[in-house]
Amino acid sequence: MSNDYEDSLSMDALNDRIAILEDNIRQLIEQAAAASGEQSESRIADRLNQQNDELDRLLKIRESRQKK
């Protein structure tokens, strides 16, 4: 699931990456609302899914660190 790079991030760096992903997701949602055309919507949906997957992965890493 996670790679060595993500495991070696400091908690501050991990929180920064999570904040960036959350902002990316917000921007992609705004783009999707304004998008016209099937190709644009599909591309945005794919990117949104990728960002959500990465966010979920980083949130799990953060959660597991907080339990330690």
PDB file of N, CA and C in Angstrom:
ATOM      1  N   MET A   1       0.818  -1.196   0.000  1.00  0.00           N
ATOM      2  CA  MET A   1       0.000   0.000   0.000  1.00  0.00           C
ATOM      3  C   MET A   1       0.862   1.260   0.000  1.00  0.00           C
ATOM      4  N   SER A   2       1.571   1.502   1.099  1.00  0.00           N
ATOM      5  CA  SER A   2       2.400   2.691   1.155  1.00  0.00           C
ATOM      6  C   SER A   2       3.813   2.331   0.743  1.00  0.00           C
ATOM      7  N   ASN A   3       4.547   3.332   0.324  1.00  0.00           N
ATOM      8  CA  ASN A   3       5.927   3.062  -0.048  1.00  0.00           C
ATOM      9  C   ASN A   3       6.854   3.605   1.021  1.00  0.00           C
ATOM     10  N   ASP A   4       8.147   3.313   0.894  1.00  0.00           N
ATOM     11  CA  ASP A   4       9.120   3.728   1.902  1.00  0.00           C
ATOM     12  C   ASP A   4       9.174   5.246   2.040  1.00  0.00           C
ATOM     13  N   TYR A   5       9.017   5.960   0.914  1.00  0.00           N
ATOM     14  CA  TYR A   5       9.050   7.426   0.967  1.00  0.00           C
ATOM     15  C   TYR A   5       7.938   7.950   1.865  1.00  0.00           C
ATOM     16  N   GLU A   6       6.730   7.461   1.695  1.00  0.00           N
ATOM     17  CA  GLU A   6       5.612   7.920   2.514  1.00  0.00           C
ATOM     18  C   GLU A   6       5.818   7.542   3.972  1.00  0.00           C
ATOM     19  N   ASP A   7       6.393   6.368   4.219  1.00  0.00           N
ATOM     20  CA  ASP A   7       6.643   5.937   5.588  1.00  0.00           C
ATOM     21  C   ASP A   7       7.706   6.783   6.267  1.00  0.00           C
ATOM     22  N   SER A   8       8.607   7.378   5.475  1.00  0.00           N
ATOM     23  CA  SER A   8       9.687   8.166   6.054  1.00  0.00           C
ATOM     24  C   SER A   8       9.331   9.644   6.219  1.00  0.00           C
ATOM     25  N   LEU A   9       8.161  10.055   5.748  1.00  0.00           N
ATOM     26  CA  LEU A   9       7.760  11.458   5.889  1.00  0.00           C
ATOM     27  C   LEU A   9       7.557  11.810   7.358  1.00  0.00           C
ATOM     28  N   SER A  10       7.969  13.013   7.724  1.00  0.00           N
ATOM     29  CA  SER A  10       7.663  13.494   9.069  1.00  0.00           C
ATOM     30  C   SER A  10       6.163  13.739   9.163  1.00  0.00           C
ATOM     31  N   MET A  11       5.657  13.847  10.363  1.00  0.00           N
ATOM     32  CA  MET A  11       4.226  14.087  10.544  1.00  0.00           C
ATOM     33  C   MET A  11       3.834  15.421   9.911  1.00  0.00           C
ATOM     34  N   ASP A  12       4.683  16.432  10.022  1.00  0.00           N
ATOM     35  CA  ASP A  12       4.381  17.725   9.393  1.00  0.00           C
ATOM     36  C   ASP A  12       4.314  17.597   7.873  1.00  0.00           C
ATOM     37  N   ALA A  13       5.265  16.865   7.288  1.00  0.00           N
ATOM     38  CA  ALA A  13       5.270  16.675   5.839  1.00  0.00           C
ATOM     39  C   ALA A  13       4.054  15.868   5.400  1.00  0.00           C
ATOM     40  N   LEU A  14       3.692  14.865   6.178  1.00  0.00           N
ATOM     41  CA  LEU A  14       2.514  14.064   5.878  1.00  0.00           C
ATOM     42  C   LEU A  14       1.259  14.926   5.916  1.00  0.00           C
ATOM     43  N   ASN A  15       1.132  15.757   6.948  1.00  0.00           N
ATOM     44  CA  ASN A  15      -0.011  16.669   7.048  1.00  0.00           C
ATOM     45  C   ASN A  15      -0.044  17.664   5.900  1.00  0.00           C
ATOM     46  N   ASP A  16       1.135  18.133   5.468  1.00  0.00           N
ATOM     47  CA  ASP A  16       1.202  19.046   4.319  1.00  0.00           C
ATOM     48  C   ASP A  16       0.709  18.356   3.053  1.00  0.00           C
ATOM     49  N   ARG A  17       1.133  17.108   2.823  1.00  0.00           N
ATOM     50  CA  ARG A  17       0.690  16.373   1.634  1.00  0.00           C
ATOM     51  C   ARG A  17      -0.804  16.120   1.676  1.00  0.00           C
ATOM     52  N   ILE A  18      -1.329  15.827   2.859  1.00  0.00           N
ATOM     53  CA  ILE A  18      -2.773  15.620   3.002  1.00  0.00           C
ATOM     54  C   ILE A  18      -3.520  16.905   2.662  1.00  0.00           C
ATOM     55  N   ALA A  19      -3.034  18.039   3.156  1.00  0.00           N
ATOM     56  CA  ALA A  19      -3.676  19.326   2.868  1.00  0.00           C
ATOM     57  C   ALA A  19      -3.633  19.631   1.371  1.00  0.00           C
ATOM     58  N   ILE A  20      -2.518  19.329   0.724  1.00  0.00           N
ATOM     59  CA  ILE A  20      -2.396  19.548  -0.723  1.00  0.00           C
ATOM     60  C   ILE A  20      -3.402  18.686  -1.475  1.00  0.00           C
ATOM     61  N   LEU A  21      -3.507  17.417  -1.083  1.00  0.00           N
ATOM     62  CA  LEU A  21      -4.466  16.523  -1.742  1.00  0.00           C
ATOM     63  C   LEU A  21      -5.894  17.002  -1.542  1.00  0.00           C
ATOM     64  N   GLU A  22      -6.215  17.445  -0.341  1.00  0.00           N
ATOM     65  CA  GLU A  22      -7.568  17.946  -0.083  1.00  0.00           C
ATOM     66  C   GLU A  22      -7.865  19.162  -0.951  1.00  0.00           C
ATOM     67  N   ASP A  23      -6.873  20.040  -1.128  1.00  0.00           N
ATOM     68  CA  ASP A  23      -7.061  21.205  -1.995  1.00  0.00           C
ATOM     69  C   ASP A  23      -7.196  20.779  -3.458  1.00  0.00           C
ATOM     70  N   ASN A  24      -6.372  19.812  -3.884  1.00  0.00           N
ATOM     71  CA  ASN A  24      -6.475  19.305  -5.253  1.00  0.00           C
ATOM     72  C   ASN A  24      -7.867  18.737  -5.512  1.00  0.00           C
ATOM     73  N   ILE A  25      -8.380  17.980  -4.558  1.00  0.00           N
ATOM     74  CA  ILE A  25      -9.706  17.382  -4.707  1.00  0.00           C
ATOM     75  C   ILE A  25     -10.770  18.470  -4.808  1.00  0.00           C
ATOM     76  N   ARG A  26     -10.660  19.499  -3.972  1.00  0.00           N
ATOM     77  CA  ARG A  26     -11.615  20.607  -4.032  1.00  0.00           C
ATOM     78  C   ARG A  26     -11.574  21.273  -5.408  1.00  0.00           C
ATOM     79  N   GLN A  27     -10.366  21.507  -5.932  1.00  0.00           N
ATOM     80  CA  GLN A  27     -10.227  22.134  -7.246  1.00  0.00           C
ATOM     81  C   GLN A  27     -10.779  21.242  -8.359  1.00  0.00           C
ATOM     82  N   LEU A  28     -10.539  19.934  -8.252  1.00  0.00           N
ATOM     83  CA  LEU A  28     -11.062  19.018  -9.263  1.00  0.00           C
ATOM     84  C   LEU A  28     -12.583  18.976  -9.246  1.00  0.00           C
ATOM     85  N   ILE A  29     -13.173  19.059  -8.079  1.00  0.00           N
ATOM     86  CA  ILE A  29     -14.632  19.098  -7.978  1.00  0.00           C
ATOM     87  C   ILE A  29     -15.165  20.363  -8.644  1.00  0.00           C
ATOM     88  N   GLU A  30     -14.483  21.490  -8.420  1.00  0.00           N
ATOM     89  CA  GLU A  30     -14.888  22.739  -9.070  1.00  0.00           C
ATOM     90  C   GLU A  30     -14.754  22.630 -10.583  1.00  0.00           C
ATOM     91  N   GLN A  31     -13.663  22.010 -11.053  1.00  0.00           N
ATOM     92  CA  GLN A  31     -13.467  21.834 -12.493  1.00  0.00           C
ATOM     93  C   GLN A  31     -14.545  20.930 -13.079  1.00  0.00           C
ATOM     94  N   ALA A  32     -14.889  19.885 -12.343  1.00  0.00           N
ATOM     95  CA  ALA A  32     -15.915  18.955 -12.824  1.00  0.00           C
ATOM     96  C   ALA A  32     -17.253  19.658 -12.962  1.00  0.00           C
ATOM     97  N   ALA A  33     -17.548  20.547 -12.023  1.00  0.00           N
ATOM     98  CA  ALA A  33     -18.819  21.270 -12.086  1.00  0.00           C
ATOM     99  C   ALA A  33     -18.871  22.188 -13.304  1.00  0.00           C
ATOM    100  N   ALA A  34     -17.709  22.707 -13.708  1.00  0.00           N
ATOM    101  CA  ALA A  34     -17.662  23.639 -14.834  1.00  0.00           C
ATOM    102  C   ALA A  34     -17.360  22.948 -16.163  1.00  0.00           C
ATOM    103  N   ALA A  35     -16.974  21.694 -16.125  1.00  0.00           N
ATOM    104  CA  ALA A  35     -16.536  20.991 -17.334  1.00  0.00           C
ATOM    105  C   ALA A  35     -17.705  20.692 -18.255  1.00  0.00           C
ATOM    106  N   SER A  36     -17.382  20.764 -19.523  1.00  0.00           N
ATOM    107  CA  SER A  36     -18.366  20.319 -20.508  1.00  0.00           C
ATOM    108  C   SER A  36     -17.675  19.345 -21.435  1.00  0.00           C
ATOM    109  N   GLY A  37     -18.366  18.349 -21.815  1.00  0.00           N
ATOM    110  CA  GLY A  37     -17.795  17.341 -22.701  1.00  0.00           C
ATOM    111  C   GLY A  37     -17.426  16.090 -21.940  1.00  0.00           C
ATOM    112  N   GLU A  38     -17.733  14.983 -22.565  1.00  0.00           N
ATOM    113  CA  GLU A  38     -17.528  13.682 -21.928  1.00  0.00           C
ATOM    114  C   GLU A  38     -16.064  13.419 -21.622  1.00  0.00           C
ATOM    115  N   GLN A  39     -15.150  13.789 -22.529  1.00  0.00           N
ATOM    116  CA  GLN A  39     -13.727  13.540 -22.314  1.00  0.00           C
ATOM    117  C   GLN A  39     -13.206  14.298 -21.106  1.00  0.00           C
ATOM    118  N   SER A  40     -13.543  15.566 -20.989  1.00  0.00           N
ATOM    119  CA  SER A  40     -13.091  16.373 -19.856  1.00  0.00           C
ATOM    120  C   SER A  40     -13.608  15.800 -18.550  1.00  0.00           C
ATOM    121  N   GLU A  41     -14.872  15.463 -18.524  1.00  0.00           N
ATOM    122  CA  GLU A  41     -15.478  14.925 -17.309  1.00  0.00           C
ATOM    123  C   GLU A  41     -14.836  13.602 -16.927  1.00  0.00           C
ATOM    124  N   SER A  42     -14.553  12.760 -17.900  1.00  0.00           N
ATOM    125  CA  SER A  42     -13.932  11.463 -17.637  1.00  0.00           C
ATOM    126  C   SER A  42     -12.512  11.644 -17.101  1.00  0.00           C
ATOM    127  N   ARG A  43     -11.767  12.555 -17.698  1.00  0.00           N
ATOM    128  CA  ARG A  43     -10.392  12.821 -17.269  1.00  0.00           C
ATOM    129  C   ARG A  43     -10.383  13.359 -15.845  1.00  0.00           C
ATOM    130  N   ILE A  44     -11.282  14.276 -15.546  1.00  0.00           N
ATOM    131  CA  ILE A  44     -11.372  14.842 -14.196  1.00  0.00           C
ATOM    132  C   ILE A  44     -11.789  13.771 -13.200  1.00  0.00           C
ATOM    133  N   ALA A  45     -12.726  12.921 -13.580  1.00  0.00           N
ATOM    134  CA  ALA A  45     -13.169  11.846 -12.686  1.00  0.00           C
ATOM    135  C   ALA A  45     -12.023  10.881 -12.384  1.00  0.00           C
ATOM    136  N   ASP A  46     -11.228  10.549 -13.402  1.00  0.00           N
ATOM    137  CA  ASP A  46     -10.080   9.670 -13.185  1.00  0.00           C
ATOM    138  C   ASP A  46      -9.079  10.304 -12.229  1.00  0.00           C
ATOM    139  N   ARG A  47      -8.792  11.572 -12.442  1.00  0.00           N
ATOM    140  CA  ARG A  47      -7.834  12.291 -11.581  1.00  0.00           C
ATOM    141  C   ARG A  47      -8.385  12.394 -10.161  1.00  0.00           C
ATOM    142  N   LEU A  48      -9.662  12.650 -10.038  1.00  0.00           N
ATOM    143  CA  LEU A  48     -10.296  12.746  -8.726  1.00  0.00           C
ATOM    144  C   LEU A  48     -10.191  11.413  -7.982  1.00  0.00           C
ATOM    145  N   ASN A  49     -10.412  10.319  -8.682  1.00  0.00           N
ATOM    146  CA  ASN A  49     -10.270   9.001  -8.059  1.00  0.00           C
ATOM    147  C   ASN A  49      -8.839   8.748  -7.601  1.00  0.00           C
ATOM    148  N   GLN A  50      -7.863   9.134  -8.414  1.00  0.00           N
ATOM    149  CA  GLN A  50      -6.455   8.969  -8.035  1.00  0.00           C
ATOM    150  C   GLN A  50      -6.125   9.784  -6.786  1.00  0.00           C
ATOM    151  N   GLN A  51      -6.590  11.027  -6.753  1.00  0.00           N
ATOM    152  CA  GLN A  51      -6.319  11.893  -5.610  1.00  0.00           C
ATOM    153  C   GLN A  51      -6.983  11.352  -4.345  1.00  0.00           C
ATOM    154  N   ASN A  52      -8.213  10.862  -4.478  1.00  0.00           N
ATOM    155  CA  ASN A  52      -8.909  10.284  -3.322  1.00  0.00           C
ATOM    156  C   ASN A  52      -8.209   9.032  -2.811  1.00  0.00           C
ATOM    157  N   ASP A  53      -7.716   8.198  -3.716  1.00  0.00           N
ATOM    158  CA  ASP A  53      -6.986   6.998  -3.307  1.00  0.00           C
ATOM    159  C   ASP A  53      -5.716   7.360  -2.540  1.00  0.00           C
ATOM    160  N   GLU A  54      -4.975   8.343  -3.058  1.00  0.00           N
ATOM    161  CA  GLU A  54      -3.748   8.768  -2.377  1.00  0.00           C
ATOM    162  C   GLU A  54      -4.075   9.391  -1.028  1.00  0.00           C
ATOM    163  N   LEU A  55      -5.128  10.188  -0.969  1.00  0.00           N
ATOM    164  CA  LEU A  55      -5.537  10.793   0.289  1.00  0.00           C
ATOM    165  C   LEU A  55      -5.895   9.714   1.309  1.00  0.00           C
ATOM    166  N   ASP A  56      -6.671   8.732   0.910  1.00  0.00           N
ATOM    167  CA  ASP A  56      -7.028   7.635   1.813  1.00  0.00           C
ATOM    168  C   ASP A  56      -5.789   6.928   2.343  1.00  0.00           C
ATOM    169  N   ARG A  57      -4.826   6.677   1.463  1.00  0.00           N
ATOM    170  CA  ARG A  57      -3.588   5.995   1.858  1.00  0.00           C
ATOM    171  C   ARG A  57      -2.814   6.827   2.891  1.00  0.00           C
ATOM    172  N   LEU A  58      -2.687   8.119   2.643  1.00  0.00           N
ATOM    173  CA  LEU A  58      -1.946   8.973   3.573  1.00  0.00           C
ATOM    174  C   LEU A  58      -2.684   9.137   4.898  1.00  0.00           C
ATOM    175  N   LEU A  59      -3.997   9.212   4.856  1.00  0.00           N
ATOM    176  CA  LEU A  59      -4.769   9.302   6.095  1.00  0.00           C
ATOM    177  C   LEU A  59      -4.589   8.045   6.940  1.00  0.00           C
ATOM    178  N   LYS A  60      -4.506   6.884   6.307  1.00  0.00           N
ATOM    179  CA  LYS A  60      -4.274   5.638   7.043  1.00  0.00           C
ATOM    180  C   LYS A  60      -2.889   5.630   7.678  1.00  0.00           C
ATOM    181  N   ILE A  61      -1.899   6.121   6.951  1.00  0.00           N
ATOM    182  CA  ILE A  61      -0.549   6.205   7.510  1.00  0.00           C
ATOM    183  C   ILE A  61      -0.552   7.126   8.721  1.00  0.00           C
ATOM    184  N   ARG A  62      -1.185   8.286   8.585  1.00  0.00           N
ATOM    185  CA  ARG A  62      -1.234   9.232   9.701  1.00  0.00           C
ATOM    186  C   ARG A  62      -1.954   8.629  10.900  1.00  0.00           C
ATOM    187  N   GLU A  63      -3.060   7.968  10.642  1.00  0.00           N
ATOM    188  CA  GLU A  63      -3.826   7.344  11.722  1.00  0.00           C
ATOM    189  C   GLU A  63      -3.003   6.286  12.449  1.00  0.00           C
ATOM    190  N   SER A  64      -2.271   5.463  11.689  1.00  0.00           N
ATOM    191  CA  SER A  64      -1.477   4.415  12.326  1.00  0.00           C
ATOM    192  C   SER A  64      -0.345   5.020  13.153  1.00  0.00           C
ATOM    193  N   ARG A  65       0.213   6.132  12.703  1.00  0.00           N
ATOM    194  CA  ARG A  65       1.264   6.801  13.489  1.00  0.00           C
ATOM    195  C   ARG A  65       0.722   7.413  14.770  1.00  0.00           C
ATOM    196  N   GLN A  66      -0.494   7.931  14.711  1.00  0.00           N
ATOM    197  CA  GLN A  66      -1.078   8.555  15.887  1.00  0.00           C
ATOM    198  C   GLN A  66      -1.418   7.534  16.960  1.00  0.00           C
ATOM    199  N   LYS A  67      -1.611   6.291  16.560  1.00  0.00           N
ATOM    200  CA  LYS A  67      -1.926   5.231  17.528  1.00  0.00           C
ATOM    201  C   LYS A  67      -0.698   4.753  18.279  1.00  0.00           C
ATOM    202  N   LYS A  68       0.483   5.028  17.726  1.00  0.00           N
ATOM    203  CA  LYS A  68       1.728   4.556  18.342  1.00  0.00           C
ATOM    204  C   LYS A  68       2.129   5.385  19.524  1.00  0.00           C
TER     205      LYS A  68
END
